[in-house]
Amino acid sequence: MIATEIKESNLHKKVKFAGHETFAFRYGWLKKAVDCLAGDRDIFSKDEAIVALGVGKNMVKSIKHWALATQIFEGGKEGLRVSSLGKRLFNRWDPYLEDPASLWLIHWLLATNPSNAALWYLTFNKYPRPDFTKNQLLEFTLELTSKYDIKVLKSTVGRDIDCFIRTYLPTKGAKNHLEETFSCPLNELSIISQLCDGESYQFNVGFKYSLPEHIAGYALLNYIADTQNSRKTISVSDCLYGEGSPGQVFKLDENSLVEYIEVLQKITADAIELDETAGLKQIYCKEEYPPEELLNSYYA
């Protein structure tokens, strides 16, 4: 599986904060990362990376971080490599992330990866409110990390929160196209908005018109595979509110999620079936359907 749900019991062993050097990733960064690593497996440990990527030393570190956080890279001390999905997305399907579907896919990979993007994971999957301020998110994160004995500095979490907001909201005061190119591509998703007081933010919950059924289905099938174990059914409620679920990561409401499931049933030729008995909506997995087939179908 591309993304794995992390249980609270071993949360402290899996999460990682910081690494982005205060930069949200920019247009072209992930494509550059894939191309450079394809040319030299050790490029990110060499001084030549500055020239190859055309950025400063801190940005080199940031690009490497974001490639790992979005699961485009995999590996670690034993060496980096481009993931299978990274190769398909940036070498064949959509190298410059021109299709909104690719941005939703990147968002899914980022928000389900506590091993490299803990603050993103916790905010989308565990924060309990539909709105937040920076201080509220800071207190929530510090309380949770303290509960599970995760060692992280308050200042580190604060910088992560600032970067998190820049990931999903345009740079305040950007006045021209040049400044907009410094914005993160995920700004386009409009999944978070800033409220009138200038200090509060909210998740935009509901149907996502730019989120294709194939991408929502890919996320849903991955989530089911990660949580289902030997069961053949899973409740719609779990897929809406469960940690690491598409309902949480994409901020869907129940009606929106059910719509996606109904379309997914048609796409998979009833391999995945929506069933409602006694008012309980459940997804019945009649047979295995590889999530990757949905991506192949969409980008084909």
Protein backbone atom coordinates (compact mmCIF):
# COMPACT_ATOMS: atom_id res chain seq x y z
CA MET A 1 0.00 0.00 0.00
CA ILE A 2 1.14 3.54 -0.69
CA ALA A 3 -0.09 4.93 2.65
CA THR A 4 -0.54 3.05 5.91
CA GLU A 5 -2.71 4.04 8.83
CA ILE A 6 -0.61 4.62 11.94
CA LYS A 7 -2.19 3.45 15.16
CA GLU A 8 -1.94 5.62 18.26
CA SER A 9 -0.22 2.87 20.23
CA ASN A 10 2.94 3.22 18.12
CA LEU A 11 2.46 6.81 17.01
CA HIS A 12 5.65 7.94 18.72
CA LYS A 13 7.74 5.52 16.68
CA LYS A 14 6.50 6.67 13.31
CA VAL A 15 6.03 10.42 13.11
CA LYS A 16 8.38 13.12 11.90
CA PHE A 17 8.09 16.89 12.16
CA ALA A 18 10.02 19.62 10.28
CA GLY A 19 12.36 18.98 7.34
CA HIS A 20 10.79 21.50 4.95
CA GLU A 21 13.22 24.31 5.86
CA THR A 22 10.10 26.59 6.17
CA PHE A 23 9.34 26.25 2.42
CA ALA A 24 6.08 24.82 1.10
CA PHE A 25 6.81 22.94 -2.12
CA ARG A 26 6.49 24.91 -5.34
CA TYR A 27 5.48 24.25 -8.92
CA GLY A 28 8.09 22.11 -10.64
CA TRP A 29 9.88 20.98 -7.50
CA LEU A 30 8.66 17.39 -7.51
CA LYS A 31 9.34 16.98 -11.23
CA LYS A 32 12.87 18.33 -10.72
CA ALA A 33 13.39 15.94 -7.84
CA VAL A 34 12.34 12.93 -9.92
CA ASP A 35 14.50 13.91 -12.88
CA CYS A 36 17.59 14.60 -10.76
CA LEU A 37 17.33 11.37 -8.80
CA ALA A 38 16.85 9.41 -12.02
CA GLY A 39 20.15 10.84 -13.26
CA ASP A 40 22.09 10.27 -10.03
CA ARG A 41 20.87 8.15 -7.11
CA ASP A 42 23.14 10.05 -4.72
CA ILE A 43 22.49 13.57 -6.00
CA PHE A 44 20.84 14.80 -2.79
CA SER A 45 23.94 13.98 -0.76
CA LYS A 46 26.24 15.93 -3.09
CA ASP A 47 27.05 19.61 -3.42
CA GLU A 48 26.22 19.28 -7.11
CA ALA A 49 22.53 19.14 -6.17
CA ILE A 50 22.56 22.94 -5.83
CA VAL A 51 23.50 23.29 -9.50
CA ALA A 52 21.34 20.39 -10.71
CA LEU A 53 18.22 21.75 -9.04
CA GLY A 54 19.04 25.41 -9.52
CA VAL A 55 18.26 26.37 -5.92
CA GLY A 56 20.08 27.12 -2.67
CA LYS A 57 21.27 24.54 -0.13
CA ASN A 58 18.22 24.88 2.14
CA MET A 59 15.87 24.46 -0.81
CA VAL A 60 17.70 21.29 -1.82
CA LYS A 61 16.89 19.87 1.61
CA SER A 62 13.31 21.09 1.27
CA ILE A 63 12.83 19.49 -2.15
CA LYS A 64 14.12 16.18 -0.83
CA HIS A 65 11.79 16.46 2.16
CA TRP A 66 8.71 17.13 0.03
CA ALA A 67 9.52 14.30 -2.35
CA LEU A 68 9.54 11.96 0.66
CA ALA A 69 6.52 13.60 2.31
CA THR A 70 4.41 13.20 -0.84
CA GLN A 71 5.66 9.63 -1.25
CA ILE A 72 7.21 10.40 -4.63
CA PHE A 73 10.52 9.25 -3.12
CA GLU A 74 10.95 6.24 -0.89
CA GLY A 75 13.87 4.88 1.09
CA GLY A 76 16.13 6.58 3.60
CA LYS A 77 19.62 5.93 4.92
CA GLU A 78 20.00 2.99 2.57
CA GLY A 79 19.42 5.31 -0.38
CA LEU A 80 16.63 7.15 -2.13
CA ARG A 81 14.65 5.95 -5.11
CA VAL A 82 11.66 7.22 -7.03
CA SER A 83 8.53 5.32 -5.99
CA SER A 84 6.56 3.34 -8.54
CA LEU A 85 3.74 5.87 -8.37
CA GLY A 86 6.23 8.73 -8.62
CA LYS A 87 7.63 7.30 -11.85
CA ARG A 88 4.21 6.89 -13.41
CA LEU A 89 2.93 10.30 -12.35
CA PHE A 90 5.98 12.39 -13.27
CA ASN A 91 7.34 10.42 -16.22
CA ARG A 92 4.10 9.45 -17.96
CA TRP A 93 0.84 10.76 -16.61
CA ASP A 94 1.10 14.40 -15.55
CA PRO A 95 4.71 15.61 -15.10
CA TYR A 96 3.81 19.23 -14.33
CA LEU A 97 0.67 18.59 -12.24
CA GLU A 98 -1.61 20.32 -14.73
CA ASP A 99 -4.60 18.11 -13.90
CA PRO A 100 -6.37 18.88 -10.59
CA ALA A 101 -6.69 15.12 -10.12
CA SER A 102 -2.93 14.92 -9.65
CA LEU A 103 -3.04 17.60 -6.97
CA TRP A 104 -5.71 15.67 -5.06
CA LEU A 105 -3.57 12.54 -5.39
CA ILE A 106 -0.52 14.40 -4.04
CA HIS A 107 -2.64 15.76 -1.19
CA TRP A 108 -3.80 12.24 -0.30
CA LEU A 109 -0.24 10.92 -0.29
CA LEU A 110 0.93 13.82 1.88
CA ALA A 111 -1.90 13.77 4.43
CA THR A 112 -1.61 10.01 4.99
CA ASN A 113 2.14 10.03 5.65
CA PRO A 114 2.90 10.68 9.34
CA SER A 115 6.39 9.24 8.88
CA ASN A 116 7.43 12.35 6.96
CA ALA A 117 4.62 14.88 7.44
CA ALA A 118 3.29 14.47 10.97
CA LEU A 119 1.60 17.87 11.29
CA TRP A 120 -0.25 17.39 7.99
CA TYR A 121 -1.38 13.92 9.07
CA LEU A 122 -2.54 15.00 12.52
CA THR A 123 -4.37 18.09 11.28
CA PHE A 124 -6.39 16.29 8.64
CA ASN A 125 -6.95 13.02 10.47
CA LYS A 126 -7.04 13.73 14.20
CA TYR A 127 -7.88 17.38 14.77
CA PRO A 128 -11.50 17.25 16.00
CA ARG A 129 -12.91 20.64 14.96
CA PRO A 130 -14.00 22.07 11.58
CA ASP A 131 -12.08 25.28 12.24
CA PHE A 132 -8.86 26.29 13.96
CA THR A 133 -6.45 29.05 14.79
CA LYS A 134 -2.68 28.62 14.80
CA ASN A 135 -2.69 28.57 18.61
CA GLN A 136 -5.46 25.96 18.78
CA LEU A 137 -3.62 23.71 16.35
CA LEU A 138 -0.39 24.24 18.29
CA GLU A 139 -2.00 23.31 21.62
CA PHE A 140 -3.70 20.27 20.09
CA THR A 141 -0.45 18.99 18.57
CA LEU A 142 1.62 19.55 21.69
CA GLU A 143 -1.01 17.85 23.86
CA LEU A 144 -1.13 14.83 21.56
CA THR A 145 2.65 14.53 21.20
CA SER A 146 3.05 14.83 24.96
CA LYS A 147 0.47 12.11 25.53
CA TYR A 148 2.49 9.68 23.40
CA ASP A 149 5.87 10.92 24.59
CA ILE A 150 6.85 12.34 21.21
CA LYS A 151 9.77 14.73 21.62
CA VAL A 152 9.19 17.86 19.57
CA LEU A 153 9.88 21.52 20.29
CA LYS A 154 7.06 24.04 20.46
CA SER A 155 8.95 26.23 17.97
CA THR A 156 9.23 23.30 15.54
CA VAL A 157 5.49 22.67 15.63
CA GLY A 158 4.88 26.40 15.18
CA ARG A 159 6.99 26.47 12.01
CA ASP A 160 5.20 23.37 10.73
CA ILE A 161 1.83 25.08 11.25
CA ASP A 162 2.98 28.15 9.32
CA CYS A 163 4.19 25.93 6.48
CA PHE A 164 0.99 23.85 6.62
CA ILE A 165 -1.14 26.95 6.06
CA ARG A 166 1.05 28.08 3.15
CA THR A 167 0.64 24.63 1.63
CA TYR A 168 -3.10 25.16 1.23
CA LEU A 169 -3.57 28.93 1.14
CA PRO A 170 -2.02 31.46 -1.28
CA THR A 171 0.76 33.66 -0.01
CA LYS A 172 -0.93 36.69 1.48
CA GLY A 173 -0.35 39.80 -0.61
CA ALA A 174 0.83 38.03 -3.79
CA LYS A 175 0.28 40.62 -6.51
CA ASN A 176 1.63 39.09 -9.70
CA HIS A 177 2.27 35.85 -11.55
CA LEU A 178 5.90 35.66 -10.41
CA GLU A 179 4.86 35.69 -6.77
CA GLU A 180 2.13 33.12 -7.46
CA THR A 181 4.75 30.69 -8.80
CA PHE A 182 6.18 30.62 -5.28
CA SER A 183 2.85 29.30 -3.99
CA CYS A 184 2.25 25.62 -3.39
CA PRO A 185 0.24 23.83 -6.11
CA LEU A 186 -2.13 22.52 -3.41
CA ASN A 187 -3.47 26.07 -3.00
CA GLU A 188 -5.68 25.19 -5.97
CA LEU A 189 -7.62 22.60 -3.97
CA SER A 190 -9.37 25.22 -1.79
CA ILE A 191 -9.73 22.66 0.98
CA ILE A 192 -8.96 25.28 3.66
CA SER A 193 -10.09 28.90 3.80
CA GLN A 194 -9.22 31.85 6.02
CA LEU A 195 -12.08 33.45 7.95
CA CYS A 196 -12.87 37.15 8.11
CA ASP A 197 -11.09 37.73 11.42
CA GLY A 198 -7.77 36.95 9.69
CA GLU A 199 -6.72 34.59 12.46
CA SER A 200 -9.10 31.64 12.04
CA TYR A 201 -9.20 28.96 9.36
CA GLN A 202 -11.76 26.34 8.42
CA PHE A 203 -11.87 23.11 6.48
CA ASN A 204 -14.20 23.34 3.50
CA VAL A 205 -16.31 20.24 4.05
CA GLY A 206 -18.49 18.84 1.29
CA PHE A 207 -18.38 17.69 -2.31
CA LYS A 208 -15.15 18.49 -4.16
CA TYR A 209 -15.96 19.33 -7.78
CA SER A 210 -12.35 19.03 -8.94
CA LEU A 211 -11.84 15.64 -7.22
CA PRO A 212 -12.46 12.90 -9.82
CA GLU A 213 -14.22 9.70 -8.82
CA HIS A 214 -11.15 7.65 -9.80
CA ILE A 215 -8.91 9.52 -7.34
CA ALA A 216 -11.49 9.38 -4.55
CA GLY A 217 -11.91 5.68 -5.34
CA TYR A 218 -8.16 5.08 -5.25
CA ALA A 219 -8.02 6.62 -1.79
CA LEU A 220 -11.08 4.70 -0.64
CA LEU A 221 -9.78 1.31 -1.83
CA ASN A 222 -6.41 1.95 -0.20
CA TYR A 223 -8.12 2.87 3.06
CA ILE A 224 -10.33 -0.22 2.94
CA ALA A 225 -7.33 -2.46 2.23
CA ASP A 226 -5.39 -0.94 5.13
CA THR A 227 -8.20 -1.28 7.68
CA GLN A 228 -10.34 -4.16 6.55
CA ASN A 229 -8.16 -7.13 7.58
CA SER A 230 -10.25 -10.24 6.91
CA ARG A 231 -13.61 -8.47 6.85
CA LYS A 232 -15.53 -8.09 3.61
CA THR A 233 -17.56 -5.11 4.76
CA ILE A 234 -16.75 -1.67 6.13
CA SER A 235 -19.17 1.01 7.22
CA VAL A 236 -19.56 4.27 5.35
CA SER A 237 -19.14 5.92 8.74
CA ASP A 238 -15.64 4.46 9.09
CA CYS A 239 -14.73 5.70 5.61
CA LEU A 240 -16.05 9.14 6.55
CA TYR A 241 -14.65 9.61 10.06
CA GLY A 242 -11.90 7.00 10.44
CA GLU A 243 -8.29 8.07 10.85
CA GLY A 244 -6.64 8.11 7.44
CA SER A 245 -9.99 7.82 5.64
CA PRO A 246 -10.92 9.65 2.44
CA GLY A 247 -13.70 11.41 4.34
CA GLN A 248 -11.15 12.98 6.68
CA VAL A 249 -8.37 13.64 4.18
CA PHE A 250 -10.65 15.10 1.49
CA LYS A 251 -13.06 16.65 4.04
CA LEU A 252 -16.17 15.09 2.52
CA ASP A 253 -19.65 15.00 4.02
CA GLU A 254 -21.74 11.81 4.01
CA ASN A 255 -23.75 12.64 0.88
CA SER A 256 -20.58 13.40 -1.06
CA LEU A 257 -18.88 10.19 0.05
CA VAL A 258 -21.94 8.11 -0.85
CA GLU A 259 -21.99 9.70 -4.33
CA TYR A 260 -18.37 8.72 -4.86
CA ILE A 261 -19.05 5.17 -3.65
CA GLU A 262 -22.03 4.80 -6.01
CA VAL A 263 -19.89 5.83 -8.97
CA LEU A 264 -17.08 3.55 -7.77
CA GLN A 265 -19.53 0.65 -7.78
CA LYS A 266 -20.14 1.25 -11.49
CA ILE A 267 -16.46 1.74 -12.32
CA THR A 268 -15.49 -1.52 -10.61
CA ALA A 269 -18.38 -3.45 -12.18
CA ASP A 270 -19.87 -4.09 -8.71
CA ALA A 271 -16.65 -5.42 -7.20
CA ILE A 272 -17.34 -2.76 -4.57
CA GLU A 273 -20.99 -2.49 -3.61
CA LEU A 274 -22.90 -0.03 -1.45
CA ASP A 275 -25.48 -1.68 0.79
CA GLU A 276 -27.96 -0.16 3.22
CA THR A 277 -29.65 -2.40 5.76
CA ALA A 278 -31.66 -1.14 8.71
CA GLY A 279 -30.36 2.37 8.13
CA LEU A 280 -26.71 1.27 8.24
CA LYS A 281 -24.75 2.08 5.10
CA GLN A 282 -21.94 -0.35 4.39
CA ILE A 283 -19.48 -1.05 1.62
CA TYR A 284 -19.35 -4.68 0.62
CA CYS A 285 -16.14 -5.85 -1.06
CA LYS A 286 -17.35 -8.68 -3.30
CA GLU A 287 -13.95 -9.19 -4.89
CA GLU A 288 -10.53 -7.59 -4.86
CA TYR A 289 -10.01 -4.58 -7.08
CA PRO A 290 -6.49 -3.11 -7.23
CA PRO A 291 -6.58 0.64 -6.45
CA GLU A 292 -3.87 1.23 -9.08
CA GLU A 293 -6.33 0.16 -11.77
CA LEU A 294 -8.37 3.29 -11.07
CA LEU A 295 -5.32 5.50 -11.65
CA ASN A 296 -4.41 3.60 -14.84
CA SER A 297 -7.96 4.01 -16.08
CA TYR A 298 -8.13 7.72 -15.27
CA TYR A 299 -4.81 8.74 -16.78
CA ALA A 300 -5.20 6.47 -19.79
